[in-house]
Amino acid sequence: MTEIRIDENKASRMIAQMLRDDFKLRPDEANKAAQAICTLLVAAMGTPTHQPLQGMRLIRSIPPHGGDFTEAVALKLADVNDRVARELWRLVYDRATDLPPGVADAVKY
């Protein structure tokens, strides 16, 4: 399926223009309807965009300190200590995927 990306304000103007020209709505009605349509379209987007999240993951690169993760792993495996827990966490972290581009666009330094 083709994805269309367009600025919300530009989309609102285009929709309002179409409603005025093709459907003969008054300008104030067309603007209200266009804004309502854009609000629904933005709400329907799968994920919000947030540029500062580029390169971020939903988990940290190291397991939480304090034993919760270590204890949870210890219930499943025998002879688990912090070193083993860190290694297992690294396995999880290395296999995690980055946030999608729509959520985290590239950061320019």
C-alpha atoms as a PDB file:
ATOM      1  CA  MET A   1       0.000   0.000   0.000  1.00  0.00           C
ATOM      2  CA  THR A   2       1.305   3.435  -0.864  1.00  0.00           C
ATOM      3  CA  GLU A   3       1.949   5.801   2.013  1.00  0.00           C
ATOM      4  CA  ILE A   4       1.150   9.484   1.578  1.00  0.00           C
ATOM      5  CA  ARG A   5       2.984  11.998   3.746  1.00  0.00           C
ATOM      6  CA  ILE A   6       1.862  15.592   3.696  1.00  0.00           C
ATOM      7  CA  ASP A   7       2.003  18.470   6.147  1.00  0.00           C
ATOM      8  CA  GLU A   8      -1.196  18.740   8.201  1.00  0.00           C
ATOM      9  CA  ASN A   9      -1.713  22.442   7.400  1.00  0.00           C
ATOM     10  CA  LYS A  10      -1.190  21.852   3.693  1.00  0.00           C
ATOM     11  CA  ALA A  11      -3.615  18.930   3.736  1.00  0.00           C
ATOM     12  CA  SER A  12      -6.198  21.050   5.549  1.00  0.00           C
ATOM     13  CA  ARG A  13      -5.884  23.811   2.940  1.00  0.00           C
ATOM     14  CA  MET A  14      -6.163  21.318   0.064  1.00  0.00           C
ATOM     15  CA  ILE A  15      -9.232  19.636   1.548  1.00  0.00           C
ATOM     16  CA  ALA A  16     -10.908  22.982   2.286  1.00  0.00           C
ATOM     17  CA  GLN A  17     -10.240  24.131  -1.285  1.00  0.00           C
ATOM     18  CA  MET A  18     -11.785  20.933  -2.652  1.00  0.00           C
ATOM     19  CA  LEU A  19     -14.830  21.292  -0.394  1.00  0.00           C
ATOM     20  CA  ARG A  20     -15.337  24.886  -1.547  1.00  0.00           C
ATOM     21  CA  ASP A  21     -14.776  24.244  -5.263  1.00  0.00           C
ATOM     22  CA  ASP A  22     -16.263  20.785  -5.803  1.00  0.00           C
ATOM     23  CA  PHE A  23     -18.927  20.631  -3.110  1.00  0.00           C
ATOM     24  CA  LYS A  24     -19.853  24.331  -2.999  1.00  0.00           C
ATOM     25  CA  LEU A  25     -19.447  24.661   0.781  1.00  0.00           C
ATOM     26  CA  ARG A  26     -19.103  28.098   2.283  1.00  0.00           C
ATOM     27  CA  PRO A  27     -15.495  28.935   3.254  1.00  0.00           C
ATOM     28  CA  ASP A  28     -16.120  28.730   7.017  1.00  0.00           C
ATOM     29  CA  GLU A  29     -17.894  25.358   6.663  1.00  0.00           C
ATOM     30  CA  ALA A  30     -15.167  24.046   4.357  1.00  0.00           C
ATOM     31  CA  ASN A  31     -12.446  25.086   6.802  1.00  0.00           C
ATOM     32  CA  LYS A  32     -14.231  23.427   9.745  1.00  0.00           C
ATOM     33  CA  ALA A  33     -14.813  20.219   7.789  1.00  0.00           C
ATOM     34  CA  ALA A  34     -11.215  20.164   6.525  1.00  0.00           C
ATOM     35  CA  GLN A  35      -9.853  20.594  10.038  1.00  0.00           C
ATOM     36  CA  ALA A  36     -12.104  17.801  11.324  1.00  0.00           C
ATOM     37  CA  ILE A  37     -10.916  15.498   8.534  1.00  0.00           C
ATOM     38  CA  CYS A  38      -7.269  16.306   9.277  1.00  0.00           C
ATOM     39  CA  THR A  39      -7.795  15.693  12.984  1.00  0.00           C
ATOM     40  CA  LEU A  40      -9.160  12.236  12.194  1.00  0.00           C
ATOM     41  CA  LEU A  41      -6.307  11.505   9.789  1.00  0.00           C
ATOM     42  CA  VAL A  42      -3.677  12.500  12.359  1.00  0.00           C
ATOM     43  CA  ALA A  43      -5.409  10.399  15.023  1.00  0.00           C
ATOM     44  CA  ALA A  44      -5.422   7.417  12.642  1.00  0.00           C
ATOM     45  CA  MET A  45      -1.666   7.543  12.103  1.00  0.00           C
ATOM     46  CA  GLY A  46       0.025   4.416  13.423  1.00  0.00           C
ATOM     47  CA  THR A  47       2.698   6.164  15.439  1.00  0.00           C
ATOM     48  CA  PRO A  48       3.411   9.756  16.386  1.00  0.00           C
ATOM     49  CA  THR A  49       6.543  11.399  15.054  1.00  0.00           C
ATOM     50  CA  HIS A  50       9.153  12.553  17.527  1.00  0.00           C
ATOM     51  CA  GLN A  51      12.603  13.360  16.146  1.00  0.00           C
ATOM     52  CA  PRO A  52      14.561  13.305  19.456  1.00  0.00           C
ATOM     53  CA  LEU A  53      13.785   9.576  19.765  1.00  0.00           C
ATOM     54  CA  GLN A  54      15.974   8.620  16.766  1.00  0.00           C
ATOM     55  CA  GLY A  55      18.285   5.747  17.689  1.00  0.00           C
ATOM     56  CA  MET A  56      16.450   5.123  20.941  1.00  0.00           C
ATOM     57  CA  ARG A  57      15.070   1.755  21.913  1.00  0.00           C
ATOM     58  CA  LEU A  58      12.301   0.837  24.267  1.00  0.00           C
ATOM     59  CA  ILE A  59      14.800  -0.889  26.563  1.00  0.00           C
ATOM     60  CA  ARG A  60      18.190   0.178  27.895  1.00  0.00           C
ATOM     61  CA  SER A  61      21.398  -1.551  26.782  1.00  0.00           C
ATOM     62  CA  ILE A  62      21.972  -2.900  30.312  1.00  0.00           C
ATOM     63  CA  PRO A  63      19.477  -4.694  32.541  1.00  0.00           C
ATOM     64  CA  PRO A  64      17.958  -2.830  35.458  1.00  0.00           C
ATOM     65  CA  HIS A  65      20.157  -2.911  38.533  1.00  0.00           C
ATOM     66  CA  GLY A  66      18.633  -4.133  41.725  1.00  0.00           C
ATOM     67  CA  GLY A  67      17.912  -7.718  40.952  1.00  0.00           C
ATOM     68  CA  ASP A  68      14.387  -7.769  39.491  1.00  0.00           C
ATOM     69  CA  PHE A  69      15.609  -8.969  36.124  1.00  0.00           C
ATOM     70  CA  THR A  70      18.227 -11.223  37.720  1.00  0.00           C
ATOM     71  CA  GLU A  71      15.595 -12.757  39.997  1.00  0.00           C
ATOM     72  CA  ALA A  72      13.187 -13.309  37.105  1.00  0.00           C
ATOM     73  CA  VAL A  73      15.903 -15.033  35.086  1.00  0.00           C
ATOM     74  CA  ALA A  74      16.995 -17.040  38.130  1.00  0.00           C
ATOM     75  CA  LEU A  75      13.514 -18.517  38.353  1.00  0.00           C
ATOM     76  CA  LYS A  76      13.998 -19.864  34.844  1.00  0.00           C
ATOM     77  CA  LEU A  77      17.682 -20.808  34.907  1.00  0.00           C
ATOM     78  CA  ALA A  78      19.971 -22.281  37.530  1.00  0.00           C
ATOM     79  CA  ASP A  79      23.148 -20.571  38.743  1.00  0.00           C
ATOM     80  CA  VAL A  80      22.345 -17.070  37.516  1.00  0.00           C
ATOM     81  CA  ASN A  81      24.321 -14.076  38.738  1.00  0.00           C
ATOM     82  CA  ASP A  82      24.576 -10.459  37.568  1.00  0.00           C
ATOM     83  CA  ARG A  83      27.152 -11.349  34.880  1.00  0.00           C
ATOM     84  CA  VAL A  84      24.867 -13.976  33.342  1.00  0.00           C
ATOM     85  CA  ALA A  85      21.879 -11.628  33.588  1.00  0.00           C
ATOM     86  CA  ARG A  86      23.858  -8.918  31.750  1.00  0.00           C
ATOM     87  CA  GLU A  87      24.797 -11.391  29.014  1.00  0.00           C
ATOM     88  CA  LEU A  88      21.187 -12.471  28.593  1.00  0.00           C
ATOM     89  CA  TRP A  89      20.037  -8.866  28.555  1.00  0.00           C
ATOM     90  CA  ARG A  90      22.632  -8.121  25.866  1.00  0.00           C
ATOM     91  CA  LEU A  91      21.147 -10.953  23.780  1.00  0.00           C
ATOM     92  CA  VAL A  92      17.728  -9.328  24.078  1.00  0.00           C
ATOM     93  CA  TYR A  93      19.046  -5.811  23.426  1.00  0.00           C
ATOM     94  CA  ASP A  94      21.104  -6.812  20.385  1.00  0.00           C
ATOM     95  CA  ARG A  95      18.078  -8.416  18.792  1.00  0.00           C
ATOM     96  CA  ALA A  96      15.706  -5.527  19.461  1.00  0.00           C
ATOM     97  CA  THR A  97      14.781  -3.314  16.562  1.00  0.00           C
ATOM     98  CA  ASP A  98      15.149   0.443  16.413  1.00  0.00           C
ATOM     99  CA  LEU A  99      12.045   2.588  16.580  1.00  0.00           C
ATOM    100  CA  PRO A 100      10.482   3.108  13.136  1.00  0.00           C
ATOM    101  CA  PRO A 101      11.455   6.226  11.151  1.00  0.00           C
ATOM    102  CA  GLY A 102       8.013   7.785  11.610  1.00  0.00           C
ATOM    103  CA  VAL A 103       8.522   7.737  15.369  1.00  0.00           C
ATOM    104  CA  ALA A 104      12.173   8.731  15.405  1.00  0.00           C
ATOM    105  CA  ASP A 105      13.543  10.589  12.425  1.00  0.00           C
ATOM    106  CA  ALA A 106      17.281  11.028  11.972  1.00  0.00           C
ATOM    107  CA  VAL A 107      19.006  13.389  14.379  1.00  0.00           C
ATOM    108  CA  LYS A 108      21.325  15.930  12.755  1.00  0.00           C
ATOM    109  CA  TYR A 109      24.318  16.997  14.840  1.00  0.00           C
END
